[in-house]
Amino acid sequence: MKVPPLIRRWPIAIAGGVFLLAAIGLAGWRWGENALKAPGPHETQIIVNFPRGASLAEIASRLEGAGAIEHAWLFRIAALMTGDARKLKAGEYAFPPHASPHMILAKLVRGEIYLHRMGFAEGLSVGQILPRIAAHEALSGELPPPPAEGSLLPETYLFPRGETRAGLIARMQAAQKTLLAKLWPARAPDLPLNTPEEAVILASIVEKETALAAERARIAGVFYNRLKLNMPLQSDPTVVYARDQGRYNPKPLSQADLALKSPYNTYLHTGLPPGPIAAPGKAALKAVLNPESTEALYFVADGNGGHAFAATLKEHNRNVAAYRKRSGSAQ
């Protein structure tokens, strides 16, 4: 029996159709692969937050809405095809300019969440640190009761969105304890200090006395000389603290302030004040625990950002007179 020509062509047609579909599928696969590796449309860093429990569709939609990817459906397919759909981790992420969908997907799988940064300058009081922590929008929860003055180590801290304010403060306190545990055993011998807490007190005074790193160890040496002779420290920053209790006040000290009755007034009382007057940094703590050997008992501002040191009152008075002449001060 003779097979009709149309029937004879069916296998060829079917094979051709399969080949065409395979070619289309291969082209689509290659297009999708290229699209996943192509640079993203965003020209600046984009930060996107994915809440806990967000579905793959919601994650893709947020990425598309933020402008990080062009096709949410392609991102979903890629996550499903690679088996990464269930590996995506919640949190806030920062995507650099033109990050590809493939890079974004890998970052979500690795859980490389964006960390906020907050730096605290040395010499701040608790009353100056806490408002900054309270105001940061990425932190959560209420402020705990104020920690002890000087118990927070001033440095730069990284934290994810949602970290509690109490948790950050606890980390700052733990950082200082860890630092003291390392520095205290390595302190110089024969220092007139009984506890690490006393080192923090003196370091807070040194921190407020100078902003020059090269002077810290020498100023610490001056204060140790005074402590050993039972001389008052006569540190202006301690009187400022007695007057303002750690609050910012640009008003200069007056003669009346120097007579302020307070245990923090080191013009009226010998020895260390009862507590720190600020948060000392690592450098100030190191300087106090390893002071410079000096015969100086006095120092005064030199008008150039540093201090002039003197071993005798006569020399010190000359330095004071020179400073007043340069600054035009009549006091």
C-alpha atoms as a PDB file:
ATOM      1  CA  MET A   1       0.000   0.000   0.000  1.00  0.00           C
ATOM      2  CA  LYS A   2       1.353   3.365  -0.965  1.00  0.00           C
ATOM      3  CA  VAL A   3       1.753   5.902   1.932  1.00  0.00           C
ATOM      4  CA  PRO A   4       0.293   9.319   1.111  1.00  0.00           C
ATOM      5  CA  PRO A   5       2.972  12.059   0.729  1.00  0.00           C
ATOM      6  CA  LEU A   6       1.518  14.098   3.609  1.00  0.00           C
ATOM      7  CA  ILE A   7       1.859  11.204   6.050  1.00  0.00           C
ATOM      8  CA  ARG A   8       5.405  10.553   4.848  1.00  0.00           C
ATOM      9  CA  ARG A   9       6.319  14.150   5.785  1.00  0.00           C
ATOM     10  CA  TRP A  10       4.955  13.970   9.385  1.00  0.00           C
ATOM     11  CA  PRO A  11       8.136  12.555  11.006  1.00  0.00           C
ATOM     12  CA  ILE A  12      10.156  15.250   9.273  1.00  0.00           C
ATOM     13  CA  ALA A  13       7.706  17.918  10.422  1.00  0.00           C
ATOM     14  CA  ILE A  14       7.661  16.599  13.992  1.00  0.00           C
ATOM     15  CA  ALA A  15      11.463  16.440  14.092  1.00  0.00           C
ATOM     16  CA  GLY A  16      11.625  19.949  12.713  1.00  0.00           C
ATOM     17  CA  GLY A  17       9.168  21.168  15.349  1.00  0.00           C
ATOM     18  CA  VAL A  18      11.114  19.554  18.149  1.00  0.00           C
ATOM     19  CA  PHE A  19      14.303  21.094  16.821  1.00  0.00           C
ATOM     20  CA  LEU A  20      12.640  24.490  16.610  1.00  0.00           C
ATOM     21  CA  LEU A  21      11.314  24.231  20.166  1.00  0.00           C
ATOM     22  CA  ALA A  22      14.725  23.126  21.392  1.00  0.00           C
ATOM     23  CA  ALA A  23      16.340  26.036  19.600  1.00  0.00           C
ATOM     24  CA  ILE A  24      13.829  28.457  21.099  1.00  0.00           C
ATOM     25  CA  GLY A  25      14.349  26.930  24.541  1.00  0.00           C
ATOM     26  CA  LEU A  26      18.123  27.140  24.213  1.00  0.00           C
ATOM     27  CA  ALA A  27      17.911  30.721  23.044  1.00  0.00           C
ATOM     28  CA  GLY A  28      15.580  31.537  25.930  1.00  0.00           C
ATOM     29  CA  TRP A  29      17.876  29.830  28.399  1.00  0.00           C
ATOM     30  CA  ARG A  30      20.887  31.721  27.066  1.00  0.00           C
ATOM     31  CA  TRP A  31      18.948  34.992  27.168  1.00  0.00           C
ATOM     32  CA  GLY A  32      17.890  34.309  30.741  1.00  0.00           C
ATOM     33  CA  GLU A  33      21.443  33.377  31.749  1.00  0.00           C
ATOM     34  CA  ASN A  34      22.826  36.524  30.148  1.00  0.00           C
ATOM     35  CA  ALA A  35      20.096  38.643  31.739  1.00  0.00           C
ATOM     36  CA  LEU A  36      20.933  37.257  35.191  1.00  0.00           C
ATOM     37  CA  LYS A  37      24.612  38.131  34.765  1.00  0.00           C
ATOM     38  CA  ALA A  38      24.051  41.484  33.076  1.00  0.00           C
ATOM     39  CA  PRO A  39      24.665  44.708  35.062  1.00  0.00           C
ATOM     40  CA  GLY A  40      21.608  45.897  36.958  1.00  0.00           C
ATOM     41  CA  PRO A  41      19.751  49.090  36.031  1.00  0.00           C
ATOM     42  CA  HIS A  42      20.591  51.026  39.217  1.00  0.00           C
ATOM     43  CA  GLU A  43      23.357  53.631  38.992  1.00  0.00           C
ATOM     44  CA  THR A  44      23.734  54.184  42.739  1.00  0.00           C
ATOM     45  CA  GLN A  45      23.777  51.937  45.773  1.00  0.00           C
ATOM     46  CA  ILE A  46      20.334  50.623  46.646  1.00  0.00           C
ATOM     47  CA  ILE A  47      19.309  49.500  50.121  1.00  0.00           C
ATOM     48  CA  VAL A  48      16.350  47.132  50.392  1.00  0.00           C
ATOM     49  CA  ASN A  49      14.859  45.613  53.526  1.00  0.00           C
ATOM     50  CA  PHE A  50      13.302  42.141  53.393  1.00  0.00           C
ATOM     51  CA  PRO A  51      11.178  41.341  56.459  1.00  0.00           C
ATOM     52  CA  ARG A  52      11.343  37.967  58.116  1.00  0.00           C
ATOM     53  CA  GLY A  53       8.940  35.550  56.446  1.00  0.00           C
ATOM     54  CA  ALA A  54       8.856  37.377  53.097  1.00  0.00           C
ATOM     55  CA  SER A  55       8.014  35.079  50.175  1.00  0.00           C
ATOM     56  CA  LEU A  56      10.122  34.716  47.049  1.00  0.00           C
ATOM     57  CA  ALA A  57       7.517  36.686  45.109  1.00  0.00           C
ATOM     58  CA  GLU A  58       7.612  39.510  47.658  1.00  0.00           C
ATOM     59  CA  ILE A  59      11.414  39.600  47.635  1.00  0.00           C
ATOM     60  CA  ALA A  60      11.510  39.767  43.832  1.00  0.00           C
ATOM     61  CA  SER A  61       8.795  42.431  43.817  1.00  0.00           C
ATOM     62  CA  ARG A  62      10.706  44.575  46.321  1.00  0.00           C
ATOM     63  CA  LEU A  63      13.862  44.298  44.259  1.00  0.00           C
ATOM     64  CA  GLU A  64      12.036  45.320  41.103  1.00  0.00           C
ATOM     65  CA  GLY A  65      10.232  48.137  42.891  1.00  0.00           C
ATOM     66  CA  ALA A  66      13.515  49.486  44.258  1.00  0.00           C
ATOM     67  CA  GLY A  67      15.046  49.449  40.786  1.00  0.00           C
ATOM     68  CA  ALA A  68      17.640  46.781  41.591  1.00  0.00           C
ATOM     69  CA  ILE A  69      16.370  44.343  38.923  1.00  0.00           C
ATOM     70  CA  GLU A  70      14.301  44.724  35.762  1.00  0.00           C
ATOM     71  CA  HIS A  71      12.340  41.466  35.781  1.00  0.00           C
ATOM     72  CA  ALA A  72      10.920  40.080  39.014  1.00  0.00           C
ATOM     73  CA  TRP A  73       9.651  36.960  37.200  1.00  0.00           C
ATOM     74  CA  LEU A  74      13.154  36.135  35.921  1.00  0.00           C
ATOM     75  CA  PHE A  75      14.601  36.509  39.421  1.00  0.00           C
ATOM     76  CA  ARG A  76      11.946  34.120  40.766  1.00  0.00           C
ATOM     77  CA  ILE A  77      12.686  31.532  38.071  1.00  0.00           C
ATOM     78  CA  ALA A  78      16.413  31.770  38.719  1.00  0.00           C
ATOM     79  CA  ALA A  79      15.913  31.258  42.458  1.00  0.00           C
ATOM     80  CA  LEU A  80      13.718  28.224  41.824  1.00  0.00           C
ATOM     81  CA  MET A  81      15.946  26.686  39.159  1.00  0.00           C
ATOM     82  CA  THR A  82      19.081  26.990  41.302  1.00  0.00           C
ATOM     83  CA  GLY A  83      17.384  25.702  44.420  1.00  0.00           C
ATOM     84  CA  ASP A  84      18.097  28.963  46.236  1.00  0.00           C
ATOM     85  CA  ALA A  85      14.472  29.977  46.734  1.00  0.00           C
ATOM     86  CA  ARG A  86      14.412  28.558  50.271  1.00  0.00           C
ATOM     87  CA  LYS A  87      17.890  29.842  51.144  1.00  0.00           C
ATOM     88  CA  LEU A  88      17.180  33.573  50.915  1.00  0.00           C
ATOM     89  CA  LYS A  89      17.766  35.290  54.259  1.00  0.00           C
ATOM     90  CA  ALA A  90      15.761  38.180  55.677  1.00  0.00           C
ATOM     91  CA  GLY A  91      17.329  41.501  56.556  1.00  0.00           C
ATOM     92  CA  GLU A  92      18.454  44.790  55.088  1.00  0.00           C
ATOM     93  CA  TYR A  93      20.821  44.604  52.118  1.00  0.00           C
ATOM     94  CA  ALA A  94      22.903  47.146  50.228  1.00  0.00           C
ATOM     95  CA  PHE A  95      23.455  46.454  46.536  1.00  0.00           C
ATOM     96  CA  PRO A  96      26.280  48.318  44.778  1.00  0.00           C
ATOM     97  CA  PRO A  97      25.641  50.176  41.510  1.00  0.00           C
ATOM     98  CA  HIS A  98      24.801  47.878  38.592  1.00  0.00           C
ATOM     99  CA  ALA A  99      24.880  44.698  40.695  1.00  0.00           C
ATOM    100  CA  SER A 100      23.581  41.880  38.518  1.00  0.00           C
ATOM    101  CA  PRO A 101      20.565  39.747  39.531  1.00  0.00           C
ATOM    102  CA  HIS A 102      22.995  36.840  39.923  1.00  0.00           C
ATOM    103  CA  MET A 103      25.105  38.879  42.394  1.00  0.00           C
ATOM    104  CA  ILE A 104      21.987  39.976  44.263  1.00  0.00           C
ATOM    105  CA  LEU A 105      20.722  36.407  44.545  1.00  0.00           C
ATOM    106  CA  ALA A 106      24.095  35.178  45.827  1.00  0.00           C
ATOM    107  CA  LYS A 107      24.211  37.968  48.411  1.00  0.00           C
ATOM    108  CA  LEU A 108      20.764  37.048  49.729  1.00  0.00           C
ATOM    109  CA  VAL A 109      21.787  33.398  49.979  1.00  0.00           C
ATOM    110  CA  ARG A 110      24.958  34.262  51.902  1.00  0.00           C
ATOM    111  CA  GLY A 111      23.038  36.597  54.211  1.00  0.00           C
ATOM    112  CA  GLU A 112      25.424  39.531  53.727  1.00  0.00           C
ATOM    113  CA  ILE A 113      23.157  42.038  55.416  1.00  0.00           C
ATOM    114  CA  TYR A 114      23.875  45.750  55.470  1.00  0.00           C
ATOM    115  CA  LEU A 115      25.525  46.994  58.645  1.00  0.00           C
ATOM    116  CA  HIS A 116      24.912  50.526  59.845  1.00  0.00           C
ATOM    117  CA  ARG A 117      27.862  52.443  61.239  1.00  0.00           C
ATOM    118  CA  MET A 118      27.956  54.756  64.256  1.00  0.00           C
ATOM    119  CA  GLY A 119      31.133  56.331  65.535  1.00  0.00           C
ATOM    120  CA  PHE A 120      31.591  57.972  68.923  1.00  0.00           C
ATOM    121  CA  ALA A 121      34.361  60.479  69.534  1.00  0.00           C
ATOM    122  CA  GLU A 122      36.593  60.113  72.546  1.00  0.00           C
ATOM    123  CA  GLY A 123      35.726  62.355  75.466  1.00  0.00           C
ATOM    124  CA  LEU A 124      31.947  62.328  75.108  1.00  0.00           C
ATOM    125  CA  SER A 125      29.827  61.969  78.239  1.00  0.00           C
ATOM    126  CA  VAL A 126      27.004  59.491  78.684  1.00  0.00           C
ATOM    127  CA  GLY A 127      24.637  62.450  78.389  1.00  0.00           C
ATOM    128  CA  GLN A 128      26.048  63.173  74.926  1.00  0.00           C
ATOM    129  CA  ILE A 129      26.211  59.567  73.726  1.00  0.00           C
ATOM    130  CA  LEU A 130      22.702  58.425  74.643  1.00  0.00           C
ATOM    131  CA  PRO A 131      20.788  61.016  72.540  1.00  0.00           C
ATOM    132  CA  ARG A 132      22.685  59.870  69.447  1.00  0.00           C
ATOM    133  CA  ILE A 133      21.760  56.253  70.129  1.00  0.00           C
ATOM    134  CA  ALA A 134      18.145  57.247  70.792  1.00  0.00           C
ATOM    135  CA  ALA A 135      17.936  59.149  67.495  1.00  0.00           C
ATOM    136  CA  HIS A 136      19.296  56.456  65.171  1.00  0.00           C
ATOM    137  CA  GLU A 137      16.388  55.180  63.107  1.00  0.00           C
ATOM    138  CA  ALA A 138      17.888  51.735  62.452  1.00  0.00           C
ATOM    139  CA  LEU A 139      18.024  50.846  66.148  1.00  0.00           C
ATOM    140  CA  SER A 140      15.016  49.457  67.978  1.00  0.00           C
ATOM    141  CA  GLY A 141      13.640  49.465  71.506  1.00  0.00           C
ATOM    142  CA  GLU A 142      13.855  51.974  74.305  1.00  0.00           C
ATOM    143  CA  LEU A 143      16.992  53.266  75.949  1.00  0.00           C
ATOM    144  CA  PRO A 144      17.919  51.409  79.127  1.00  0.00           C
ATOM    145  CA  PRO A 145      18.680  53.352  82.320  1.00  0.00           C
ATOM    146  CA  PRO A 146      21.807  55.477  81.806  1.00  0.00           C
ATOM    147  CA  PRO A 147      25.002  53.450  82.258  1.00  0.00           C
ATOM    148  CA  ALA A 148      27.805  54.650  84.489  1.00  0.00           C
ATOM    149  CA  GLU A 149      29.825  57.583  83.222  1.00  0.00           C
ATOM    150  CA  GLY A 150      32.959  56.427  81.437  1.00  0.00           C
ATOM    151  CA  SER A 151      31.764  52.830  80.999  1.00  0.00           C
ATOM    152  CA  LEU A 152      31.211  53.087  77.220  1.00  0.00           C
ATOM    153  CA  LEU A 153      34.200  52.618  74.914  1.00  0.00           C
ATOM    154  CA  PRO A 154      34.162  55.298  72.208  1.00  0.00           C
ATOM    155  CA  GLU A 155      34.871  53.784  68.798  1.00  0.00           C
ATOM    156  CA  THR A 156      32.960  52.889  65.612  1.00  0.00           C
ATOM    157  CA  TYR A 157      30.287  50.220  65.964  1.00  0.00           C
ATOM    158  CA  LEU A 158      28.554  48.246  63.207  1.00  0.00           C
ATOM    159  CA  PHE A 159      25.045  46.895  63.654  1.00  0.00           C
ATOM    160  CA  PRO A 160      22.193  45.519  61.537  1.00  0.00           C
ATOM    161  CA  ARG A 161      18.828  47.203  61.319  1.00  0.00           C
ATOM    162  CA  GLY A 162      16.727  46.212  64.284  1.00  0.00           C
ATOM    163  CA  GLU A 163      19.521  45.829  66.847  1.00  0.00           C
ATOM    164  CA  THR A 164      18.240  47.096  70.160  1.00  0.00           C
ATOM    165  CA  ARG A 165      19.553  50.256  71.735  1.00  0.00           C
ATOM    166  CA  ALA A 166      20.133  48.337  74.940  1.00  0.00           C
ATOM    167  CA  GLY A 167      22.134  45.762  72.984  1.00  0.00           C
ATOM    168  CA  LEU A 168      24.404  48.371  71.423  1.00  0.00           C
ATOM    169  CA  ILE A 169      25.060  49.988  74.803  1.00  0.00           C
ATOM    170  CA  ALA A 170      25.852  46.577  76.287  1.00  0.00           C
ATOM    171  CA  ARG A 171      28.346  45.985  73.462  1.00  0.00           C
ATOM    172  CA  MET A 172      30.023  49.333  74.180  1.00  0.00           C
ATOM    173  CA  GLN A 173      30.371  48.399  77.842  1.00  0.00           C
ATOM    174  CA  ALA A 174      31.671  44.920  77.006  1.00  0.00           C
ATOM    175  CA  ALA A 175      34.217  46.419  74.594  1.00  0.00           C
ATOM    176  CA  GLN A 176      35.618  48.618  77.347  1.00  0.00           C
ATOM    177  CA  LYS A 177      35.822  45.717  79.814  1.00  0.00           C
ATOM    178  CA  THR A 178      37.632  43.609  77.220  1.00  0.00           C
ATOM    179  CA  LEU A 179      40.098  46.418  76.522  1.00  0.00           C
ATOM    180  CA  LEU A 180      40.775  47.018  80.213  1.00  0.00           C
ATOM    181  CA  ALA A 181      41.300  43.297  80.808  1.00  0.00           C
ATOM    182  CA  LYS A 182      44.025  43.436  78.155  1.00  0.00           C
ATOM    183  CA  LEU A 183      45.678  46.735  79.159  1.00  0.00           C
ATOM    184  CA  TRP A 184      45.566  46.536  82.979  1.00  0.00           C
ATOM    185  CA  PRO A 185      47.942  43.553  83.391  1.00  0.00           C
ATOM    186  CA  ALA A 186      50.451  45.244  81.045  1.00  0.00           C
ATOM    187  CA  ARG A 187      50.513  48.523  83.001  1.00  0.00           C
ATOM    188  CA  ALA A 188      53.728  50.145  84.121  1.00  0.00           C
ATOM    189  CA  PRO A 189      54.888  49.196  87.646  1.00  0.00           C
ATOM    190  CA  ASP A 190      54.367  51.372  90.711  1.00  0.00           C
ATOM    191  CA  LEU A 191      51.462  53.408  89.391  1.00  0.00           C
ATOM    192  CA  PRO A 192      49.410  55.033  92.166  1.00  0.00           C
ATOM    193  CA  LEU A 193      46.285  53.210  90.989  1.00  0.00           C
ATOM    194  CA  ASN A 194      44.442  50.478  92.824  1.00  0.00           C
ATOM    195  CA  THR A 195      41.879  49.340  90.251  1.00  0.00           C
ATOM    196  CA  PRO A 196      41.136  49.496  86.516  1.00  0.00           C
ATOM    197  CA  GLU A 197      38.247  51.791  87.413  1.00  0.00           C
ATOM    198  CA  GLU A 198      40.725  54.358  88.742  1.00  0.00           C
ATOM    199  CA  ALA A 199      42.605  54.121  85.448  1.00  0.00           C
ATOM    200  CA  VAL A 200      39.377  54.984  83.629  1.00  0.00           C
ATOM    201  CA  ILE A 201      38.886  58.031  85.878  1.00  0.00           C
ATOM    202  CA  LEU A 202      42.346  59.410  85.181  1.00  0.00           C
ATOM    203  CA  ALA A 203      42.140  58.512  81.467  1.00  0.00           C
ATOM    204  CA  SER A 204      38.894  60.471  81.169  1.00  0.00           C
ATOM    205  CA  ILE A 205      40.671  63.552  82.580  1.00  0.00           C
ATOM    206  CA  VAL A 206      43.646  63.115  80.233  1.00  0.00           C
ATOM    207  CA  GLU A 207      41.204  62.692  77.339  1.00  0.00           C
ATOM    208  CA  LYS A 208      39.583  66.034  78.085  1.00  0.00           C
ATOM    209  CA  GLU A 209      42.869  67.851  78.709  1.00  0.00           C
ATOM    210  CA  THR A 210      44.392  67.364  75.255  1.00  0.00           C
ATOM    211  CA  ALA A 211      43.491  66.380  71.734  1.00  0.00           C
ATOM    212  CA  LEU A 212      47.126  65.707  70.822  1.00  0.00           C
ATOM    213  CA  ALA A 213      48.109  62.061  70.893  1.00  0.00           C
ATOM    214  CA  ALA A 214      51.754  62.960  71.538  1.00  0.00           C
ATOM    215  CA  GLU A 215      50.844  64.743  74.794  1.00  0.00           C
ATOM    216  CA  ARG A 216      48.646  62.181  76.481  1.00  0.00           C
ATOM    217  CA  ALA A 217      51.389  60.109  78.117  1.00  0.00           C
ATOM    218  CA  ARG A 218      53.196  63.240  79.332  1.00  0.00           C
ATOM    219  CA  ILE A 219      50.046  64.749  80.833  1.00  0.00           C
ATOM    220  CA  ALA A 220      49.381  61.411  82.538  1.00  0.00           C
ATOM    221  CA  GLY A 221      52.923  61.624  83.939  1.00  0.00           C
ATOM    222  CA  VAL A 222      52.248  65.126  85.303  1.00  0.00           C
ATOM    223  CA  PHE A 223      49.106  63.942  87.072  1.00  0.00           C
ATOM    224  CA  TYR A 224      50.929  60.964  88.573  1.00  0.00           C
ATOM    225  CA  ASN A 225      53.606  63.324  89.894  1.00  0.00           C
ATOM    226  CA  ARG A 226      50.890  65.394  91.555  1.00  0.00           C
ATOM    227  CA  LEU A 227      49.125  62.338  92.997  1.00  0.00           C
ATOM    228  CA  LYS A 228      52.381  61.086  94.530  1.00  0.00           C
ATOM    229  CA  LEU A 229      52.964  64.508  96.162  1.00  0.00           C
ATOM    230  CA  ASN A 230      49.328  64.742  97.303  1.00  0.00           C
ATOM    231  CA  MET A 231      48.926  67.899  95.231  1.00  0.00           C
ATOM    232  CA  PRO A 232      45.506  68.759  93.764  1.00  0.00           C
ATOM    233  CA  LEU A 233      45.230  67.759  90.103  1.00  0.00           C
ATOM    234  CA  GLN A 234      43.758  71.194  89.328  1.00  0.00           C
ATOM    235  CA  SER A 235      42.199  69.974  86.090  1.00  0.00           C
ATOM    236  CA  ASP A 236      39.754  72.416  84.504  1.00  0.00           C
ATOM    237  CA  PRO A 237      37.724  69.637  82.781  1.00  0.00           C
ATOM    238  CA  THR A 238      36.806  68.172  86.177  1.00  0.00           C
ATOM    239  CA  VAL A 239      35.325  71.531  87.204  1.00  0.00           C
ATOM    240  CA  VAL A 240      33.456  71.739  83.891  1.00  0.00           C
ATOM    241  CA  TYR A 241      31.965  68.334  84.649  1.00  0.00           C
ATOM    242  CA  ALA A 242      31.041  69.414  88.172  1.00  0.00           C
ATOM    243  CA  ARG A 243      29.315  72.460  86.738  1.00  0.00           C
ATOM    244  CA  ASP A 244      27.559  70.931  83.723  1.00  0.00           C
ATOM    245  CA  GLN A 245      27.218  67.223  84.663  1.00  0.00           C
ATOM    246  CA  GLY A 246      28.342  66.091  81.216  1.00  0.00           C
ATOM    247  CA  ARG A 247      26.037  68.398  79.257  1.00  0.00           C
ATOM    248  CA  TYR A 248      27.504  70.565  76.516  1.00  0.00           C
ATOM    249  CA  ASN A 249      28.097  74.133  77.642  1.00  0.00           C
ATOM    250  CA  PRO A 250      30.378  76.485  75.648  1.00  0.00           C
ATOM    251  CA  LYS A 251      30.606  78.946  78.564  1.00  0.00           C
ATOM    252  CA  PRO A 252      34.242  79.282  79.756  1.00  0.00           C
ATOM    253  CA  LEU A 253      35.139  78.609  83.361  1.00  0.00           C
ATOM    254  CA  SER A 254      34.991  81.525  85.781  1.00  0.00           C
ATOM    255  CA  GLN A 255      36.696  82.112  89.103  1.00  0.00           C
ATOM    256  CA  ALA A 256      33.378  81.348  90.753  1.00  0.00           C
ATOM    257  CA  ASP A 257      33.300  77.967  88.972  1.00  0.00           C
ATOM    258  CA  LEU A 258      36.736  77.099  90.342  1.00  0.00           C
ATOM    259  CA  ALA A 259      35.298  77.470  93.853  1.00  0.00           C
ATOM    260  CA  LEU A 260      32.345  75.189  93.097  1.00  0.00           C
ATOM    261  CA  LYS A 261      31.757  72.787  95.968  1.00  0.00           C
ATOM    262  CA  SER A 262      31.795  69.366  94.360  1.00  0.00           C
ATOM    263  CA  PRO A 263      33.831  66.186  94.854  1.00  0.00           C
ATOM    264  CA  TYR A 264      34.684  66.503  91.133  1.00  0.00           C
ATOM    265  CA  ASN A 265      36.393  69.862  91.690  1.00  0.00           C
ATOM    266  CA  THR A 266      40.063  68.907  91.663  1.00  0.00           C
ATOM    267  CA  TYR A 267      41.044  72.430  92.649  1.00  0.00           C
ATOM    268  CA  LEU A 268      39.454  71.873  96.054  1.00  0.00           C
ATOM    269  CA  HIS A 269      40.133  68.155  96.551  1.00  0.00           C
ATOM    270  CA  THR A 270      43.280  66.082  96.247  1.00  0.00           C
ATOM    271  CA  GLY A 271      43.355  62.680  94.612  1.00  0.00           C
ATOM    272  CA  LEU A 272      41.099  61.415  91.874  1.00  0.00           C
ATOM    273  CA  PRO A 273      37.481  62.544  91.581  1.00  0.00           C
ATOM    274  CA  PRO A 274      34.840  59.934  92.506  1.00  0.00           C
ATOM    275  CA  GLY A 275      34.231  58.868  88.913  1.00  0.00           C
ATOM    276  CA  PRO A 276      35.112  59.444  85.259  1.00  0.00           C
ATOM    277  CA  ILE A 277      34.113  62.725  83.618  1.00  0.00           C
ATOM    278  CA  ALA A 278      33.802  61.316  80.068  1.00  0.00           C
ATOM    279  CA  ALA A 279      34.394  58.237  77.954  1.00  0.00           C
ATOM    280  CA  PRO A 280      38.155  57.788  77.459  1.00  0.00           C
ATOM    281  CA  GLY A 281      39.389  56.170  74.288  1.00  0.00           C
ATOM    282  CA  LYS A 282      41.914  53.401  73.852  1.00  0.00           C
ATOM    283  CA  ALA A 283      44.838  55.813  73.386  1.00  0.00           C
ATOM    284  CA  ALA A 284      44.094  57.709  76.608  1.00  0.00           C
ATOM    285  CA  LEU A 285      43.818  54.462  78.569  1.00  0.00           C
ATOM    286  CA  LYS A 286      47.145  53.294  77.153  1.00  0.00           C
ATOM    287  CA  ALA A 287      48.756  56.613  78.057  1.00  0.00           C
ATOM    288  CA  VAL A 288      47.527  56.424  81.637  1.00  0.00           C
ATOM    289  CA  LEU A 289      48.681  52.837  82.092  1.00  0.00           C
ATOM    290  CA  ASN A 290      52.055  53.532  80.485  1.00  0.00           C
ATOM    291  CA  PRO A 291      52.795  57.187  81.254  1.00  0.00           C
ATOM    292  CA  GLU A 292      55.814  59.185  80.188  1.00  0.00           C
ATOM    293  CA  SER A 293      58.455  59.688  82.828  1.00  0.00           C
ATOM    294  CA  THR A 294      58.675  63.431  83.409  1.00  0.00           C
ATOM    295  CA  GLU A 295      59.659  65.888  86.108  1.00  0.00           C
ATOM    296  CA  ALA A 296      56.888  68.270  85.072  1.00  0.00           C
ATOM    297  CA  LEU A 297      54.291  69.260  87.638  1.00  0.00           C
ATOM    298  CA  TYR A 298      52.497  71.887  85.605  1.00  0.00           C
ATOM    299  CA  PHE A 299      51.214  72.511  82.088  1.00  0.00           C
ATOM    300  CA  VAL A 300      49.336  75.301  80.376  1.00  0.00           C
ATOM    301  CA  ALA A 301      48.008  75.821  76.868  1.00  0.00           C
ATOM    302  CA  ASP A 302      50.662  77.155  74.514  1.00  0.00           C
ATOM    303  CA  GLY A 303      48.255  78.839  72.126  1.00  0.00           C
ATOM    304  CA  ASN A 304      49.065  76.457  69.278  1.00  0.00           C
ATOM    305  CA  GLY A 305      46.834  73.532  70.225  1.00  0.00           C
ATOM    306  CA  GLY A 306      49.311  71.978  72.622  1.00  0.00           C
ATOM    307  CA  HIS A 307      50.714  72.663  76.073  1.00  0.00           C
ATOM    308  CA  ALA A 308      53.862  74.067  77.672  1.00  0.00           C
ATOM    309  CA  PHE A 309      55.164  71.908  80.518  1.00  0.00           C
ATOM    310  CA  ALA A 310      57.134  73.015  83.561  1.00  0.00           C
ATOM    311  CA  ALA A 311      58.830  71.352  86.525  1.00  0.00           C
ATOM    312  CA  THR A 312      58.704  74.423  88.781  1.00  0.00           C
ATOM    313  CA  LEU A 313      56.047  76.962  89.636  1.00  0.00           C
ATOM    314  CA  LYS A 314      58.360  79.784  88.548  1.00  0.00           C
ATOM    315  CA  GLU A 315      58.754  78.265  85.098  1.00  0.00           C
ATOM    316  CA  HIS A 316      55.037  77.576  84.940  1.00  0.00           C
ATOM    317  CA  ASN A 317      54.209  81.194  85.747  1.00  0.00           C
ATOM    318  CA  ARG A 318      56.424  82.286  82.877  1.00  0.00           C
ATOM    319  CA  ASN A 319      54.562  79.927  80.562  1.00  0.00           C
ATOM    320  CA  VAL A 320      51.230  81.274  81.794  1.00  0.00           C
ATOM    321  CA  ALA A 321      52.368  84.866  81.213  1.00  0.00           C
ATOM    322  CA  ALA A 322      53.561  83.980  77.713  1.00  0.00           C
ATOM    323  CA  TYR A 323      50.243  82.330  76.913  1.00  0.00           C
ATOM    324  CA  ARG A 324      48.271  85.329  78.180  1.00  0.00           C
ATOM    325  CA  LYS A 325      50.406  87.667  76.113  1.00  0.00           C
ATOM    326  CA  ARG A 326      49.830  85.601  72.964  1.00  0.00           C
ATOM    327  CA  SER A 327      46.119  85.212  73.570  1.00  0.00           C
ATOM    328  CA  GLY A 328      45.523  88.733  74.824  1.00  0.00           C
ATOM    329  CA  SER A 329      44.011  87.352  78.036  1.00  0.00           C
ATOM    330  CA  ALA A 330      44.089  89.520  81.123  1.00  0.00           C
ATOM    331  CA  GLN A 331      43.226  86.672  83.480  1.00  0.00           C
END
